[in-house]
Protein backbone atom coordinates (compact mmCIF):
# COMPACT_ATOMS: atom_id res chain seq x y z
CA MET A 1 78.97 105.22 74.39
CA GLU A 2 80.72 106.46 77.03
CA MET A 3 80.52 104.20 80.53
CA ASP A 4 80.18 106.13 83.66
CA LEU A 5 82.08 106.10 86.81
CA ARG A 6 80.33 105.24 89.85
CA ILE A 7 81.67 106.66 93.19
CA THR A 8 80.69 106.26 96.64
CA VAL A 9 82.25 106.91 99.87
CA ASN A 10 81.74 104.71 102.85
CA ILE A 11 83.65 104.71 106.30
CA ASN A 12 84.33 101.22 107.50
CA GLN A 13 85.66 100.84 110.82
CA GLY A 14 86.87 104.36 110.89
CA VAL A 15 88.75 104.26 107.23
CA PRO A 16 87.16 105.85 104.26
CA VAL A 17 86.62 103.58 101.38
CA ILE A 18 85.80 104.84 97.97
CA ASP A 19 84.07 102.44 96.26
CA LEU A 20 84.30 102.42 92.34
CA GLY A 21 82.24 101.03 89.61
CA GLY A 22 82.33 101.02 85.63
CA GLU A 23 84.99 102.51 84.09
CA LEU A 24 88.07 104.67 85.14
CA ASP A 25 89.51 106.65 82.19
CA ALA A 26 90.39 109.63 80.71
CA TYR A 27 86.81 110.91 80.90
CA THR A 28 85.94 109.79 84.24
CA CYS A 29 89.18 110.16 86.65
CA SER A 30 88.82 113.66 87.40
CA ARG A 31 85.73 113.03 89.62
CA LEU A 32 88.12 110.07 91.20
CA ARG A 33 90.77 113.03 91.76
CA ASP A 34 88.22 115.12 93.18
CA THR A 35 86.75 112.78 95.60
CA MET A 36 90.30 111.48 96.72
CA ILE A 37 91.15 114.90 97.45
CA GLU A 38 88.05 115.68 99.37
CA VAL A 39 88.45 112.62 101.57
CA ILE A 40 92.11 113.73 102.13
CA GLU A 41 91.48 117.18 103.36
CA ASP A 42 88.80 116.35 105.41
CA GLY A 43 91.57 114.86 107.54
CA SER A 44 91.34 110.80 106.11
CA PRO A 45 94.63 110.58 104.25
CA THR A 46 94.48 106.85 104.15
CA ILE A 47 92.26 105.77 102.12
CA VAL A 48 91.22 101.99 100.86
CA VAL A 49 90.06 102.09 97.13
CA SER A 50 87.60 99.73 96.21
CA MET A 51 87.50 98.59 92.72
CA MET A 52 85.71 95.35 92.64
CA LYS A 53 83.33 96.67 90.13
CA VAL A 54 85.30 98.53 87.94
CA GLU A 55 85.42 96.91 84.49
CA TYR A 56 88.16 99.03 82.94
CA ILE A 57 91.06 101.23 83.66
CA ASP A 58 93.19 103.20 81.46
CA SER A 59 97.02 104.90 82.17
CA SER A 60 94.90 108.43 83.08
CA GLY A 61 93.03 106.32 85.75
CA LEU A 62 96.27 104.57 87.27
CA GLY A 63 97.99 108.07 87.09
CA THR A 64 94.94 109.38 89.15
CA LEU A 65 95.62 106.85 91.73
CA VAL A 66 99.51 107.67 91.87
CA GLY A 67 98.37 111.45 92.21
CA GLY A 68 96.13 110.43 95.10
CA LEU A 69 98.84 108.52 96.80
CA LYS A 70 101.32 111.54 96.69
CA ARG A 71 98.94 113.66 98.15
CA ALA A 72 97.93 110.88 100.78
CA SER A 73 101.63 110.67 101.32
CA GLU A 74 102.18 114.29 102.24
CA LYS A 75 99.98 113.78 104.81
CA ASP A 76 101.44 110.52 106.39
CA GLY A 77 98.48 108.52 104.91
CA LYS A 78 98.42 105.78 101.76
CA ILE A 79 95.91 104.19 99.67
CA VAL A 80 95.21 100.47 99.15
CA ILE A 81 93.54 98.99 96.62
CA VAL A 82 90.52 96.33 96.46
CA CYS A 83 90.82 94.11 93.59
CA THR A 84 89.80 90.71 92.44
CA ASN A 85 89.31 91.18 88.72
CA PRO A 86 92.24 89.01 86.91
CA GLN A 87 92.10 91.85 83.80
CA ILE A 88 92.25 95.26 86.44
CA ARG A 89 95.19 93.45 88.63
CA LYS A 90 97.40 92.54 85.24
CA VAL A 91 97.43 96.17 84.56
CA PHE A 92 99.10 96.68 88.01
CA GLU A 93 101.08 94.15 87.47
CA ILE A 94 102.50 94.89 83.74
CA THR A 95 102.98 98.78 84.81
CA GLY A 96 104.50 97.96 88.09
CA LEU A 97 101.84 99.77 90.54
CA VAL A 98 101.79 96.30 92.47
CA ARG A 99 104.63 97.77 93.93
CA VAL A 100 103.51 101.05 94.87
CA PHE A 101 100.15 99.79 95.89
CA GLN A 102 99.31 97.01 98.13
CA LEU A 103 96.47 95.09 96.62
CA PHE A 104 93.97 93.10 98.49
CA GLU A 105 91.11 90.67 97.48
CA THR A 106 88.84 91.69 100.25
CA GLU A 107 87.84 95.09 101.65
CA ASP A 108 88.24 93.43 105.40
CA GLU A 109 91.50 92.37 104.53
CA ALA A 110 92.46 95.85 103.11
CA ILE A 111 90.63 97.73 106.34
CA GLN A 112 93.45 95.31 108.73
CA ALA A 113 96.13 96.23 106.93
CA VAL A 114 95.60 100.25 107.35
CA SER A 115 94.08 100.00 110.96
């Protein structure tokens, strides 16, 4: 049984927030990639990705985030992550991506950091 990925995009204080829920893996990461590209191409290269409701992430999900960051950087933007799930945070730590992405405990902290 494949868990789905729920994606919603909101604007918080002028910053796009991509809110994810479910599983970010090889089956679902293309939808996140498409969403990030759309937001960046629409003129908002700085994005907050909220992973508060993400239950699982694999290497393809991480690769998608890195790809999004690369594209955002080309337009002088950045991507920051909101995540409190210890298992998800551990994946970022083990892979060294805590040095690539800023991780925040709350959406408000993330918005302040990029504003």
